[in-house]
Structure formats: C-alpha cells, structure tokens
C-alpha cells in the first residue's frame, strides 16, 4: 500500500565500526551506502560528530562529509550534526565554506549543542566545563555572521572560504531548547527521535508555535530521526535488530563499544528494566519486513506531520544493511534515479 502522504527520506549514517572491523572498512561501507542511497532516491546523507566511541568512525565529520560528497554526484551531504560548542565558529565556517565551494548546492550544516561524548572527552576537546551549551545561541550567531556579514560592516576576521556561501543551516535537538531557537530564527529543525522519542511531540509543537519566517525559510520544516531495521521477513529483521539493541544496552551500562553481531536471544543479555528502557527508545522506529515499515511510516507521518524523515539503521552485516535501506526506499515510495 503506498503511503498516504509521501515525504523525502534521508540517511543518518553513524559510520559503525563492527566487532572485528576497522574504521577503514567502515568508510568503504559508508561510501557504498551513500552511492546506493543516491541511486534509490534518498534526499540527503548525513554523518554525526561523536568522539571517544570505538563503534563510530565519523569523529572527523567534515572530512568524512568531503569524502562522501566526492564519491557521489547528486545527493545532499551534511552533518547530523556538528557539535558547535566543540569548535571555533570560524573553523566551521571555513570547513563548510570549503565543502560548499567544492560541491556547490549539495552541503548541509546541521548543528547541535551537546559535546557528543563524555566529560573526559569534553576536557580533551578543550571545552569549558562550566557551560552546558548555554552559549550555543552566541556561537551560532557568530557562525552565521561569518557566512553572511552585514553589508558595509568592518570585519577584522573573515571566513575564506565561507563568506557569502549559502550553506543551509539546520538546528538539531533532543529537547525543546534548539526547537524554540530554530523556530525563532526561522531555520529548519531536525529532532533526534531515534534516541529521545519521549520529547518529540513537545519539541515539534514548540518549534512550529515559535516559528518566524526568515530569509532561510518561509514556513516550518521538520525532519525527524527514525530507527528502522528492515529485512525480507519480520523474523530476520528482529534478529538483525539485536545488534542495535546490544549497542543501546552497552550505552545504558556506560560501556560503549563496537557494533556486535546479532544474537538469537536478547533475554539472556538484558534485565527486564533494561529491556523496557530500550523499548521506549524505539517508539518512533520499526523492525520488520516491507509491510511493517510501510504501516509504521504512515503512522509516524500521520502523528507528527513531519516534512522529512531521516533514517538510521545499525546493522552488523553490511549487505543486510544495504538491503534494509532498499526495503525502506520501497516502503517510502522513493523513485530510483536514472
């Protein structure tokens, strides 16, 4: 059954490093997935900044974005996201100005305000431990100033490349802070419902109710993150999903690691309260074959009226992961590119 309302689908790639694998292998898999996503008709391909995590290879996010953009032709490539408080705004303006110069009209800059790691790593990143993202609006304003300085204003420091580049800026969030700020600034907003689903509806309402039209956007535009593990049968999808469930379980226990192979019985690994915690994280996701994915996508779009969905699919076996995105594209009614 076709979706009642079709929206663009995009990919959030966490560049997983699997047990027994290497980052080099992960990057080859990222390129293969990005090229497949482009052929299948996905709208954008985003990578996320995480640090000190053995199972995620995209810590040098801008570098990986350039790698993916250079290996594809049409799909938009960007950050989901760059954690702005980890960086000087000038450096991000220069990096994304460089990317936009190389791949014009294809680069997105999604920004978050969390550190993307633990407190020890925050210290290693030279962040001020006294702040918890409260200075994000000021950093964002500085960054936008580098891209588009007021005409005639003296600028002792300029972003080259960067100044004058029309790089779309998105705000990312898992709470109401960025939702309200994105609305007030008239920027597109992406919510991390793939790991914070309990706040999704509240954040969407806050964003839409606070939205003010801007030069960037005339009306609100919401993209939400969705966990999907798809396979040719429901049973196979349930089996494949145990890799992601183990990954969440490791995070809950404070021991993040590489993506593990699937297992036959998660009940042998988790406690009942951990199982319930993981179930709550999959409120806006689906595990199953094409029919289950279609039905759940329809429900999500009906409930949220989202303008776009960005899908993450943490699967240990690379070929099974590629197949998952093929099934998702079919369920979402994407049109394959020529």
C-alpha atoms as a PDB file:
ATOM      1  CA  UNK A   1       0.000   0.000   0.000  1.00  0.00           C
ATOM      2  CA  UNK A   2       1.523   3.394  -0.970  1.00  0.00           C
ATOM      3  CA  UNK A   3       1.976   5.963   1.774  1.00  0.00           C
ATOM      4  CA  UNK A   4      -0.950   8.347   2.254  1.00  0.00           C
ATOM      5  CA  UNK A   5       1.499  11.256   2.259  1.00  0.00           C
ATOM      6  CA  UNK A   6       4.946  10.935   0.748  1.00  0.00           C
ATOM      7  CA  UNK A   7       7.876  12.891   2.141  1.00  0.00           C
ATOM      8  CA  UNK A   8      11.592  12.856   1.365  1.00  0.00           C
ATOM      9  CA  UNK A   9      13.607  10.163   3.094  1.00  0.00           C
ATOM     10  CA  UNK A  10      17.226  10.707   4.113  1.00  0.00           C
ATOM     11  CA  UNK A  11      20.028   8.687   5.707  1.00  0.00           C
ATOM     12  CA  UNK A  12      21.792   9.261   9.010  1.00  0.00           C
ATOM     13  CA  UNK A  13      24.973   7.192   8.894  1.00  0.00           C
ATOM     14  CA  UNK A  14      26.770   6.685  12.200  1.00  0.00           C
ATOM     15  CA  UNK A  15      29.641   5.035  10.275  1.00  0.00           C
ATOM     16  CA  UNK A  16      29.501   1.961  12.520  1.00  0.00           C
ATOM     17  CA  UNK A  17      32.697   0.105  13.328  1.00  0.00           C
ATOM     18  CA  UNK A  18      31.722  -3.525  13.844  1.00  0.00           C
ATOM     19  CA  UNK A  19      33.450  -6.073  16.046  1.00  0.00           C
ATOM     20  CA  UNK A  20      36.328  -7.462  14.021  1.00  0.00           C
ATOM     21  CA  UNK A  21      36.226  -4.445  11.688  1.00  0.00           C
ATOM     22  CA  UNK A  22      38.245  -1.260  11.270  1.00  0.00           C
ATOM     23  CA  UNK A  23      37.445   2.399  10.576  1.00  0.00           C
ATOM     24  CA  UNK A  24      38.930   1.992   7.092  1.00  0.00           C
ATOM     25  CA  UNK A  25      36.387  -0.730   6.393  1.00  0.00           C
ATOM     26  CA  UNK A  26      33.623   1.446   7.853  1.00  0.00           C
ATOM     27  CA  UNK A  27      34.455   4.271   5.464  1.00  0.00           C
ATOM     28  CA  UNK A  28      34.321   1.908   2.480  1.00  0.00           C
ATOM     29  CA  UNK A  29      30.906   0.762   3.672  1.00  0.00           C
ATOM     30  CA  UNK A  30      29.803   4.394   4.113  1.00  0.00           C
ATOM     31  CA  UNK A  31      30.711   5.152   0.516  1.00  0.00           C
ATOM     32  CA  UNK A  32      28.873   2.108  -0.773  1.00  0.00           C
ATOM     33  CA  UNK A  33      25.777   3.001   1.238  1.00  0.00           C
ATOM     34  CA  UNK A  34      25.906   6.646   0.109  1.00  0.00           C
ATOM     35  CA  UNK A  35      26.071   5.630  -3.552  1.00  0.00           C
ATOM     36  CA  UNK A  36      23.189   3.214  -3.051  1.00  0.00           C
ATOM     37  CA  UNK A  37      21.154   5.904  -1.267  1.00  0.00           C
ATOM     38  CA  UNK A  38      21.736   8.259  -4.178  1.00  0.00           C
ATOM     39  CA  UNK A  39      20.581   5.647  -6.707  1.00  0.00           C
ATOM     40  CA  UNK A  40      17.488   4.820  -4.638  1.00  0.00           C
ATOM     41  CA  UNK A  41      16.368   8.447  -4.424  1.00  0.00           C
ATOM     42  CA  UNK A  42      17.183   9.370  -0.809  1.00  0.00           C
ATOM     43  CA  UNK A  43      17.309  13.131  -0.330  1.00  0.00           C
ATOM     44  CA  UNK A  44      20.344  13.689   1.883  1.00  0.00           C
ATOM     45  CA  UNK A  45      23.117  11.743   3.589  1.00  0.00           C
ATOM     46  CA  UNK A  46      24.214  12.991   6.999  1.00  0.00           C
ATOM     47  CA  UNK A  47      27.058  11.986   9.298  1.00  0.00           C
ATOM     48  CA  UNK A  48      27.345  12.703  13.008  1.00  0.00           C
ATOM     49  CA  UNK A  49      30.102  14.020  15.256  1.00  0.00           C
ATOM     50  CA  UNK A  50      30.896  11.654  18.112  1.00  0.00           C
ATOM     51  CA  UNK A  51      34.178  11.338  19.996  1.00  0.00           C
ATOM     52  CA  UNK A  52      35.869   8.601  22.023  1.00  0.00           C
ATOM     53  CA  UNK A  53      33.415   5.978  20.747  1.00  0.00           C
ATOM     54  CA  UNK A  54      35.018   2.834  19.347  1.00  0.00           C
ATOM     55  CA  UNK A  55      31.884   1.959  17.384  1.00  0.00           C
ATOM     56  CA  UNK A  56      31.528   5.248  15.463  1.00  0.00           C
ATOM     57  CA  UNK A  57      34.105   6.267  12.848  1.00  0.00           C
ATOM     58  CA  UNK A  58      32.828   9.755  11.928  1.00  0.00           C
ATOM     59  CA  UNK A  59      34.597  11.838  14.601  1.00  0.00           C
ATOM     60  CA  UNK A  60      36.325  13.968  11.915  1.00  0.00           C
ATOM     61  CA  UNK A  61      32.899  14.716  10.487  1.00  0.00           C
ATOM     62  CA  UNK A  62      33.824  17.406   7.959  1.00  0.00           C
ATOM     63  CA  UNK A  63      36.494  15.143   6.474  1.00  0.00           C
ATOM     64  CA  UNK A  64      34.045  12.266   6.033  1.00  0.00           C
ATOM     65  CA  UNK A  65      31.453  14.611   4.504  1.00  0.00           C
ATOM     66  CA  UNK A  66      34.003  15.656   1.888  1.00  0.00           C
ATOM     67  CA  UNK A  67      34.837  12.011   1.216  1.00  0.00           C
ATOM     68  CA  UNK A  68      31.170  11.121   0.660  1.00  0.00           C
ATOM     69  CA  UNK A  69      30.397  14.219  -1.407  1.00  0.00           C
ATOM     70  CA  UNK A  70      33.415  13.482  -3.599  1.00  0.00           C
ATOM     71  CA  UNK A  71      32.216   9.938  -4.234  1.00  0.00           C
ATOM     72  CA  UNK A  72      28.626  10.846  -5.136  1.00  0.00           C
ATOM     73  CA  UNK A  73      27.043  13.189  -7.663  1.00  0.00           C
ATOM     74  CA  UNK A  74      23.616  14.472  -6.626  1.00  0.00           C
ATOM     75  CA  UNK A  75      22.632  13.572  -3.081  1.00  0.00           C
ATOM     76  CA  UNK A  76      22.950  16.304  -0.453  1.00  0.00           C
ATOM     77  CA  UNK A  77      25.651  15.543   2.121  1.00  0.00           C
ATOM     78  CA  UNK A  78      25.962  17.097   5.544  1.00  0.00           C
ATOM     79  CA  UNK A  79      26.270  16.888   9.290  1.00  0.00           C
ATOM     80  CA  UNK A  80      23.753  15.424  11.636  1.00  0.00           C
ATOM     81  CA  UNK A  81      25.396  17.118  13.315  1.00  0.00           C
ATOM     82  CA  UNK A  82      28.429  19.197  14.058  1.00  0.00           C
ATOM     83  CA  UNK A  83      28.532  19.895  17.812  1.00  0.00           C
ATOM     84  CA  UNK A  84      29.209  23.607  17.574  1.00  0.00           C
ATOM     85  CA  UNK A  85      30.447  24.207  21.159  1.00  0.00           C
ATOM     86  CA  UNK A  86      33.336  21.815  20.398  1.00  0.00           C
ATOM     87  CA  UNK A  87      34.673  24.188  17.735  1.00  0.00           C
ATOM     88  CA  UNK A  88      35.517  27.776  16.968  1.00  0.00           C
ATOM     89  CA  UNK A  89      32.721  29.099  14.715  1.00  0.00           C
ATOM     90  CA  UNK A  90      35.349  30.469  12.333  1.00  0.00           C
ATOM     91  CA  UNK A  91      36.754  26.976  11.758  1.00  0.00           C
ATOM     92  CA  UNK A  92      33.302  25.541  10.984  1.00  0.00           C
ATOM     93  CA  UNK A  93      32.563  28.428   8.608  1.00  0.00           C
ATOM     94  CA  UNK A  94      35.845  27.748   6.811  1.00  0.00           C
ATOM     95  CA  UNK A  95      35.322  23.985   6.691  1.00  0.00           C
ATOM     96  CA  UNK A  96      31.792  24.143   5.346  1.00  0.00           C
ATOM     97  CA  UNK A  97      32.631  27.069   3.088  1.00  0.00           C
ATOM     98  CA  UNK A  98      35.342  24.865   1.623  1.00  0.00           C
ATOM     99  CA  UNK A  99      32.926  21.944   1.213  1.00  0.00           C
ATOM    100  CA  UNK A 100      30.319  24.170  -0.435  1.00  0.00           C
ATOM    101  CA  UNK A 101      32.972  25.572  -2.783  1.00  0.00           C
ATOM    102  CA  UNK A 102      33.949  22.054  -3.812  1.00  0.00           C
ATOM    103  CA  UNK A 103      30.413  20.615  -4.016  1.00  0.00           C
ATOM    104  CA  UNK A 104      28.125  23.614  -4.659  1.00  0.00           C
ATOM    105  CA  UNK A 105      24.463  23.234  -3.757  1.00  0.00           C
ATOM    106  CA  UNK A 106      24.943  19.891  -2.026  1.00  0.00           C
ATOM    107  CA  UNK A 107      26.192  20.651   1.507  1.00  0.00           C
ATOM    108  CA  UNK A 108      24.071  20.870   4.692  1.00  0.00           C
ATOM    109  CA  UNK A 109      25.281  22.129   8.055  1.00  0.00           C
ATOM    110  CA  UNK A 110      23.321  20.560  10.893  1.00  0.00           C
ATOM    111  CA  UNK A 111      24.325  21.907  14.293  1.00  0.00           C
ATOM    112  CA  UNK A 112      23.923  20.539  17.808  1.00  0.00           C
ATOM    113  CA  UNK A 113      24.917  21.907  21.191  1.00  0.00           C
ATOM    114  CA  UNK A 114      25.880  18.711  23.066  1.00  0.00           C
ATOM    115  CA  UNK A 115      29.505  17.572  23.316  1.00  0.00           C
ATOM    116  CA  UNK A 116      28.846  14.252  21.596  1.00  0.00           C
ATOM    117  CA  UNK A 117      30.780  12.346  24.235  1.00  0.00           C
ATOM    118  CA  UNK A 118      31.626  12.016  27.936  1.00  0.00           C
ATOM    119  CA  UNK A 119      33.140  14.545  30.338  1.00  0.00           C
ATOM    120  CA  UNK A 120      36.703  13.240  29.988  1.00  0.00           C
ATOM    121  CA  UNK A 121      36.464  13.740  26.241  1.00  0.00           C
ATOM    122  CA  UNK A 122      34.964  17.172  26.767  1.00  0.00           C
ATOM    123  CA  UNK A 123      38.155  18.090  28.625  1.00  0.00           C
ATOM    124  CA  UNK A 124      40.258  16.671  25.795  1.00  0.00           C
ATOM    125  CA  UNK A 125      38.273  18.813  23.337  1.00  0.00           C
ATOM    126  CA  UNK A 126      39.231  21.873  25.421  1.00  0.00           C
ATOM    127  CA  UNK A 127      35.615  22.749  26.122  1.00  0.00           C
ATOM    128  CA  UNK A 128      34.743  24.963  29.066  1.00  0.00           C
ATOM    129  CA  UNK A 129      33.269  22.538  31.583  1.00  0.00           C
ATOM    130  CA  UNK A 130      31.302  25.332  33.227  1.00  0.00           C
ATOM    131  CA  UNK A 131      28.987  25.583  30.231  1.00  0.00           C
ATOM    132  CA  UNK A 132      26.354  23.105  29.098  1.00  0.00           C
ATOM    133  CA  UNK A 133      25.516  24.600  25.732  1.00  0.00           C
ATOM    134  CA  UNK A 134      24.103  27.844  27.120  1.00  0.00           C
ATOM    135  CA  UNK A 135      26.404  29.801  24.818  1.00  0.00           C
ATOM    136  CA  UNK A 136      25.112  27.977  21.741  1.00  0.00           C
ATOM    137  CA  UNK A 137      22.963  30.924  20.517  1.00  0.00           C
ATOM    138  CA  UNK A 138      26.002  33.235  20.642  1.00  0.00           C
ATOM    139  CA  UNK A 139      28.194  30.706  18.834  1.00  0.00           C
ATOM    140  CA  UNK A 140      25.501  30.229  16.206  1.00  0.00           C
ATOM    141  CA  UNK A 141      25.179  33.969  15.703  1.00  0.00           C
ATOM    142  CA  UNK A 142      28.940  34.264  15.258  1.00  0.00           C
ATOM    143  CA  UNK A 143      28.955  31.419  12.737  1.00  0.00           C
ATOM    144  CA  UNK A 144      26.124  32.949  10.699  1.00  0.00           C
ATOM    145  CA  UNK A 145      27.930  36.272  10.817  1.00  0.00           C
ATOM    146  CA  UNK A 146      30.953  34.696   9.116  1.00  0.00           C
ATOM    147  CA  UNK A 147      28.786  33.302   6.337  1.00  0.00           C
ATOM    148  CA  UNK A 148      26.768  36.492   5.835  1.00  0.00           C
ATOM    149  CA  UNK A 149      28.329  39.612   7.391  1.00  0.00           C
ATOM    150  CA  UNK A 150      26.164  42.755   7.315  1.00  0.00           C
ATOM    151  CA  UNK A 151      26.897  44.858   4.265  1.00  0.00           C
ATOM    152  CA  UNK A 152      29.425  47.579   4.921  1.00  0.00           C
ATOM    153  CA  UNK A 153      30.410  46.281   8.374  1.00  0.00           C
ATOM    154  CA  UNK A 154      34.128  46.161   9.086  1.00  0.00           C
ATOM    155  CA  UNK A 155      35.238  42.563   9.640  1.00  0.00           C
ATOM    156  CA  UNK A 156      38.739  42.160  11.080  1.00  0.00           C
ATOM    157  CA  UNK A 157      38.364  38.383  10.674  1.00  0.00           C
ATOM    158  CA  UNK A 158      36.711  36.824   7.639  1.00  0.00           C
ATOM    159  CA  UNK A 159      35.948  33.226   6.713  1.00  0.00           C
ATOM    160  CA  UNK A 160      37.690  32.321   3.462  1.00  0.00           C
ATOM    161  CA  UNK A 161      36.204  30.159   2.030  1.00  0.00           C
ATOM    162  CA  UNK A 162      32.875  30.663   3.745  1.00  0.00           C
ATOM    163  CA  UNK A 163      31.816  34.277   3.421  1.00  0.00           C
ATOM    164  CA  UNK A 164      28.928  34.610   1.007  1.00  0.00           C
ATOM    165  CA  UNK A 165      28.347  30.864   0.781  1.00  0.00           C
ATOM    166  CA  UNK A 166      24.713  29.797   1.021  1.00  0.00           C
ATOM    167  CA  UNK A 167      25.133  26.730   3.216  1.00  0.00           C
ATOM    168  CA  UNK A 168      21.756  25.706   4.699  1.00  0.00           C
ATOM    169  CA  UNK A 169      21.958  25.669   8.496  1.00  0.00           C
ATOM    170  CA  UNK A 170      19.772  23.243  10.439  1.00  0.00           C
ATOM    171  CA  UNK A 171      19.368  23.105  14.189  1.00  0.00           C
ATOM    172  CA  UNK A 172      19.333  19.636  15.733  1.00  0.00           C
ATOM    173  CA  UNK A 173      17.948  18.770  19.114  1.00  0.00           C
ATOM    174  CA  UNK A 174      16.638  16.187  21.546  1.00  0.00           C
ATOM    175  CA  UNK A 175      14.776  18.673  23.774  1.00  0.00           C
ATOM    176  CA  UNK A 176      12.966  21.976  23.497  1.00  0.00           C
ATOM    177  CA  UNK A 177      15.984  24.305  23.559  1.00  0.00           C
ATOM    178  CA  UNK A 178      17.006  24.017  19.913  1.00  0.00           C
ATOM    179  CA  UNK A 179      13.386  23.586  18.808  1.00  0.00           C
ATOM    180  CA  UNK A 180      12.445  27.021  20.161  1.00  0.00           C
ATOM    181  CA  UNK A 181      15.640  28.643  18.888  1.00  0.00           C
ATOM    182  CA  UNK A 182      15.177  27.174  15.400  1.00  0.00           C
ATOM    183  CA  UNK A 183      11.613  28.485  15.339  1.00  0.00           C
ATOM    184  CA  UNK A 184      12.576  31.969  16.458  1.00  0.00           C
ATOM    185  CA  UNK A 185      15.363  32.149  13.866  1.00  0.00           C
ATOM    186  CA  UNK A 186      13.283  30.647  11.071  1.00  0.00           C
ATOM    187  CA  UNK A 187      15.620  27.709  10.480  1.00  0.00           C
ATOM    188  CA  UNK A 188      14.803  24.087   9.621  1.00  0.00           C
ATOM    189  CA  UNK A 189      14.753  21.746  12.610  1.00  0.00           C
ATOM    190  CA  UNK A 190      15.678  18.086  12.958  1.00  0.00           C
ATOM    191  CA  UNK A 191      14.708  16.176  16.092  1.00  0.00           C
ATOM    192  CA  UNK A 192      16.664  13.172  17.368  1.00  0.00           C
ATOM    193  CA  UNK A 193      13.641  10.949  17.940  1.00  0.00           C
ATOM    194  CA  UNK A 194      15.824   7.937  17.157  1.00  0.00           C
ATOM    195  CA  UNK A 195      17.206   8.259  20.708  1.00  0.00           C
ATOM    196  CA  UNK A 196      14.927  10.766  22.510  1.00  0.00           C
ATOM    197  CA  UNK A 197      11.404   9.893  21.286  1.00  0.00           C
ATOM    198  CA  UNK A 198       9.689  10.921  24.517  1.00  0.00           C
ATOM    199  CA  UNK A 199      10.234  14.630  23.771  1.00  0.00           C
ATOM    200  CA  UNK A 200       9.382  14.583  20.060  1.00  0.00           C
ATOM    201  CA  UNK A 201       5.795  15.840  20.037  1.00  0.00           C
ATOM    202  CA  UNK A 202       6.531  18.568  22.571  1.00  0.00           C
ATOM    203  CA  UNK A 203       9.546  19.776  20.576  1.00  0.00           C
ATOM    204  CA  UNK A 204       7.654  19.800  17.265  1.00  0.00           C
ATOM    205  CA  UNK A 205       4.842  21.862  18.814  1.00  0.00           C
ATOM    206  CA  UNK A 206       7.323  24.285  20.356  1.00  0.00           C
ATOM    207  CA  UNK A 207       9.158  24.694  17.048  1.00  0.00           C
ATOM    208  CA  UNK A 208       6.035  25.286  14.987  1.00  0.00           C
ATOM    209  CA  UNK A 209       4.405  27.603  17.510  1.00  0.00           C
ATOM    210  CA  UNK A 210       7.536  29.770  17.831  1.00  0.00           C
ATOM    211  CA  UNK A 211       8.362  29.836  14.112  1.00  0.00           C
ATOM    212  CA  UNK A 212       9.030  33.173  12.462  1.00  0.00           C
ATOM    213  CA  UNK A 213       9.570  33.344   8.689  1.00  0.00           C
ATOM    214  CA  UNK A 214      13.108  34.260   7.683  1.00  0.00           C
ATOM    215  CA  UNK A 215      15.299  34.643   4.659  1.00  0.00           C
ATOM    216  CA  UNK A 216      16.164  30.977   5.061  1.00  0.00           C
ATOM    217  CA  UNK A 217      12.656  29.562   5.394  1.00  0.00           C
ATOM    218  CA  UNK A 218       9.100  30.821   4.864  1.00  0.00           C
ATOM    219  CA  UNK A 219       7.336  28.128   6.890  1.00  0.00           C
ATOM    220  CA  UNK A 220       8.380  25.483   9.432  1.00  0.00           C
ATOM    221  CA  UNK A 221      10.253  22.440   8.176  1.00  0.00           C
ATOM    222  CA  UNK A 222      10.643  19.450  10.492  1.00  0.00           C
ATOM    223  CA  UNK A 223      12.747  16.361   9.910  1.00  0.00           C
ATOM    224  CA  UNK A 224      12.665  13.567  12.477  1.00  0.00           C
ATOM    225  CA  UNK A 225      15.049  10.684  13.097  1.00  0.00           C
ATOM    226  CA  UNK A 226      13.670   7.151  12.791  1.00  0.00           C
ATOM    227  CA  UNK A 227      15.294   3.842  13.721  1.00  0.00           C
ATOM    228  CA  UNK A 228      14.437   1.247  11.081  1.00  0.00           C
ATOM    229  CA  UNK A 229      15.739  -2.278  10.728  1.00  0.00           C
ATOM    230  CA  UNK A 230      14.144  -3.819   7.644  1.00  0.00           C
ATOM    231  CA  UNK A 231      14.601  -7.240   6.101  1.00  0.00           C
ATOM    232  CA  UNK A 232      12.754  -9.598   3.780  1.00  0.00           C
ATOM    233  CA  UNK A 233      10.962 -11.210   6.727  1.00  0.00           C
ATOM    234  CA  UNK A 234       9.884  -9.964  10.139  1.00  0.00           C
ATOM    235  CA  UNK A 235      11.879 -12.705  11.865  1.00  0.00           C
ATOM    236  CA  UNK A 236      15.077 -11.773  10.039  1.00  0.00           C
ATOM    237  CA  UNK A 237      14.601  -8.107  10.926  1.00  0.00           C
ATOM    238  CA  UNK A 238      14.084  -8.982  14.593  1.00  0.00           C
ATOM    239  CA  UNK A 239      17.317 -10.981  14.538  1.00  0.00           C
ATOM    240  CA  UNK A 240      19.311  -8.209  12.812  1.00  0.00           C
ATOM    241  CA  UNK A 241      17.960  -5.607  15.252  1.00  0.00           C
ATOM    242  CA  UNK A 242      19.647  -7.300  18.190  1.00  0.00           C
ATOM    243  CA  UNK A 243      22.931  -5.648  17.158  1.00  0.00           C
ATOM    244  CA  UNK A 244      21.441  -2.202  17.701  1.00  0.00           C
ATOM    245  CA  UNK A 245      19.756  -3.380  20.891  1.00  0.00           C
ATOM    246  CA  UNK A 246      23.108  -4.558  22.217  1.00  0.00           C
ATOM    247  CA  UNK A 247      24.598  -1.171  21.283  1.00  0.00           C
ATOM    248  CA  UNK A 248      21.931   0.667  23.290  1.00  0.00           C
ATOM    249  CA  UNK A 249      22.413  -1.764  26.151  1.00  0.00           C
ATOM    250  CA  UNK A 250      26.147  -1.008  26.211  1.00  0.00           C
ATOM    251  CA  UNK A 251      25.395   2.728  26.321  1.00  0.00           C
ATOM    252  CA  UNK A 252      22.941   2.276  29.183  1.00  0.00           C
ATOM    253  CA  UNK A 253      25.607   0.385  31.107  1.00  0.00           C
ATOM    254  CA  UNK A 254      28.269   3.006  30.341  1.00  0.00           C
ATOM    255  CA  UNK A 255      30.386   0.669  28.230  1.00  0.00           C
ATOM    256  CA  UNK A 256      30.037   1.757  24.599  1.00  0.00           C
ATOM    257  CA  UNK A 257      31.895  -0.372  22.104  1.00  0.00           C
ATOM    258  CA  UNK A 258      31.882  -1.669  18.564  1.00  0.00           C
ATOM    259  CA  UNK A 259      28.695  -2.910  16.907  1.00  0.00           C
ATOM    260  CA  UNK A 260      28.212  -6.548  17.865  1.00  0.00           C
ATOM    261  CA  UNK A 261      26.915  -9.450  15.765  1.00  0.00           C
ATOM    262  CA  UNK A 262      23.221 -10.279  16.191  1.00  0.00           C
ATOM    263  CA  UNK A 263      22.171 -12.863  18.766  1.00  0.00           C
ATOM    264  CA  UNK A 264      19.301 -15.311  18.967  1.00  0.00           C
ATOM    265  CA  UNK A 265      18.084 -14.318  22.444  1.00  0.00           C
ATOM    266  CA  UNK A 266      18.350 -10.834  23.953  1.00  0.00           C
ATOM    267  CA  UNK A 267      16.643 -12.051  27.135  1.00  0.00           C
ATOM    268  CA  UNK A 268      19.921 -13.745  28.020  1.00  0.00           C
ATOM    269  CA  UNK A 269      21.681 -10.352  27.918  1.00  0.00           C
ATOM    270  CA  UNK A 270      19.395  -7.726  29.406  1.00  0.00           C
ATOM    271  CA  UNK A 271      17.492  -7.243  32.635  1.00  0.00           C
ATOM    272  CA  UNK A 272      13.728  -6.545  32.474  1.00  0.00           C
ATOM    273  CA  UNK A 273      14.177  -2.843  33.291  1.00  0.00           C
ATOM    274  CA  UNK A 274      16.830  -2.544  30.579  1.00  0.00           C
ATOM    275  CA  UNK A 275      14.514  -4.185  28.066  1.00  0.00           C
ATOM    276  CA  UNK A 276      11.802  -1.642  28.878  1.00  0.00           C
ATOM    277  CA  UNK A 277      14.275   1.235  28.577  1.00  0.00           C
ATOM    278  CA  UNK A 278      15.277   0.043  25.121  1.00  0.00           C
ATOM    279  CA  UNK A 279      11.671  -0.383  24.025  1.00  0.00           C
ATOM    280  CA  UNK A 280      10.977   3.217  24.950  1.00  0.00           C
ATOM    281  CA  UNK A 281      13.840   4.310  22.695  1.00  0.00           C
ATOM    282  CA  UNK A 282      12.187   2.635  19.709  1.00  0.00           C
ATOM    283  CA  UNK A 283       8.838   4.435  19.963  1.00  0.00           C
ATOM    284  CA  UNK A 284       9.476   6.117  16.621  1.00  0.00           C
ATOM    285  CA  UNK A 285      11.040   3.196  14.842  1.00  0.00           C
ATOM    286  CA  UNK A 286      10.204  -0.116  13.302  1.00  0.00           C
ATOM    287  CA  UNK A 287      11.673  -3.585  12.985  1.00  0.00           C
ATOM    288  CA  UNK A 288      10.199  -5.740  10.260  1.00  0.00           C
ATOM    289  CA  UNK A 289       9.585  -6.513   6.608  1.00  0.00           C
ATOM    290  CA  UNK A 290       8.314  -4.051   3.993  1.00  0.00           C
ATOM    291  CA  UNK A 291       4.660  -4.155   5.088  1.00  0.00           C
ATOM    292  CA  UNK A 292       5.555  -3.357   8.705  1.00  0.00           C
ATOM    293  CA  UNK A 293       7.779  -0.479   7.582  1.00  0.00           C
ATOM    294  CA  UNK A 294       5.026   0.962   5.359  1.00  0.00           C
ATOM    295  CA  UNK A 295       2.455   0.808   8.149  1.00  0.00           C
ATOM    296  CA  UNK A 296       4.731   2.383  10.720  1.00  0.00           C
ATOM    297  CA  UNK A 297       5.870   5.163   8.385  1.00  0.00           C
ATOM    298  CA  UNK A 298       2.224   6.027   7.732  1.00  0.00           C
ATOM    299  CA  UNK A 299       1.545   6.180  11.469  1.00  0.00           C
ATOM    300  CA  UNK A 300       4.577   8.380  12.135  1.00  0.00           C
ATOM    301  CA  UNK A 301       3.707  10.798   9.344  1.00  0.00           C
ATOM    302  CA  UNK A 302       0.081  10.960  10.453  1.00  0.00           C
ATOM    303  CA  UNK A 303       1.012  11.636  14.080  1.00  0.00           C
ATOM    304  CA  UNK A 304       3.815  14.130  13.500  1.00  0.00           C
ATOM    305  CA  UNK A 305       3.071  15.711  10.096  1.00  0.00           C
ATOM    306  CA  UNK A 306       6.851  15.683   9.607  1.00  0.00           C
ATOM    307  CA  UNK A 307       8.200  17.174   6.390  1.00  0.00           C
ATOM    308  CA  UNK A 308      11.022  14.656   6.086  1.00  0.00           C
ATOM    309  CA  UNK A 309      12.291  11.507   7.793  1.00  0.00           C
ATOM    310  CA  UNK A 310      15.955  10.684   8.342  1.00  0.00           C
ATOM    311  CA  UNK A 311      16.630   7.004   8.868  1.00  0.00           C
ATOM    312  CA  UNK A 312      19.346   5.264  10.834  1.00  0.00           C
ATOM    313  CA  UNK A 313      19.799   1.504  10.521  1.00  0.00           C
ATOM    314  CA  UNK A 314      22.519  -0.011  12.702  1.00  0.00           C
ATOM    315  CA  UNK A 315      23.048  -3.485  11.274  1.00  0.00           C
ATOM    316  CA  UNK A 316      26.164  -5.620  11.757  1.00  0.00           C
ATOM    317  CA  UNK A 317      26.233  -7.291   8.343  1.00  0.00           C
ATOM    318  CA  UNK A 318      26.946  -4.724   5.636  1.00  0.00           C
ATOM    319  CA  UNK A 319      24.959  -6.470   2.886  1.00  0.00           C
ATOM    320  CA  UNK A 320      21.964  -6.785   5.221  1.00  0.00           C
ATOM    321  CA  UNK A 321      22.271  -3.067   5.993  1.00  0.00           C
ATOM    322  CA  UNK A 322      22.232  -2.212   2.295  1.00  0.00           C
ATOM    323  CA  UNK A 323      19.177  -4.409   1.856  1.00  0.00           C
ATOM    324  CA  UNK A 324      17.467  -2.648   4.767  1.00  0.00           C
ATOM    325  CA  UNK A 325      17.783   0.707   3.004  1.00  0.00           C
ATOM    326  CA  UNK A 326      16.481  -0.827  -0.232  1.00  0.00           C
ATOM    327  CA  UNK A 327      13.363  -2.065   1.553  1.00  0.00           C
ATOM    328  CA  UNK A 328      12.892   1.279   3.312  1.00  0.00           C
ATOM    329  CA  UNK A 329      13.105   3.069  -0.049  1.00  0.00           C
ATOM    330  CA  UNK A 330      10.444   0.767  -1.473  1.00  0.00           C
ATOM    331  CA  UNK A 331       8.200   1.235   1.560  1.00  0.00           C
ATOM    332  CA  UNK A 332       8.660   5.011   1.408  1.00  0.00           C
ATOM    333  CA  UNK A 333       7.811   5.206  -2.280  1.00  0.00           C
ATOM    334  CA  UNK A 334      11.172   6.609  -3.367  1.00  0.00           C
ATOM    335  CA  UNK A 335      11.875   6.847  -7.081  1.00  0.00           C
ATOM    336  CA  UNK A 336      15.226   5.424  -8.108  1.00  0.00           C
ATOM    337  CA  UNK A 337      17.497   7.794 -10.007  1.00  0.00           C
ATOM    338  CA  UNK A 338      18.434   7.069 -13.631  1.00  0.00           C
END
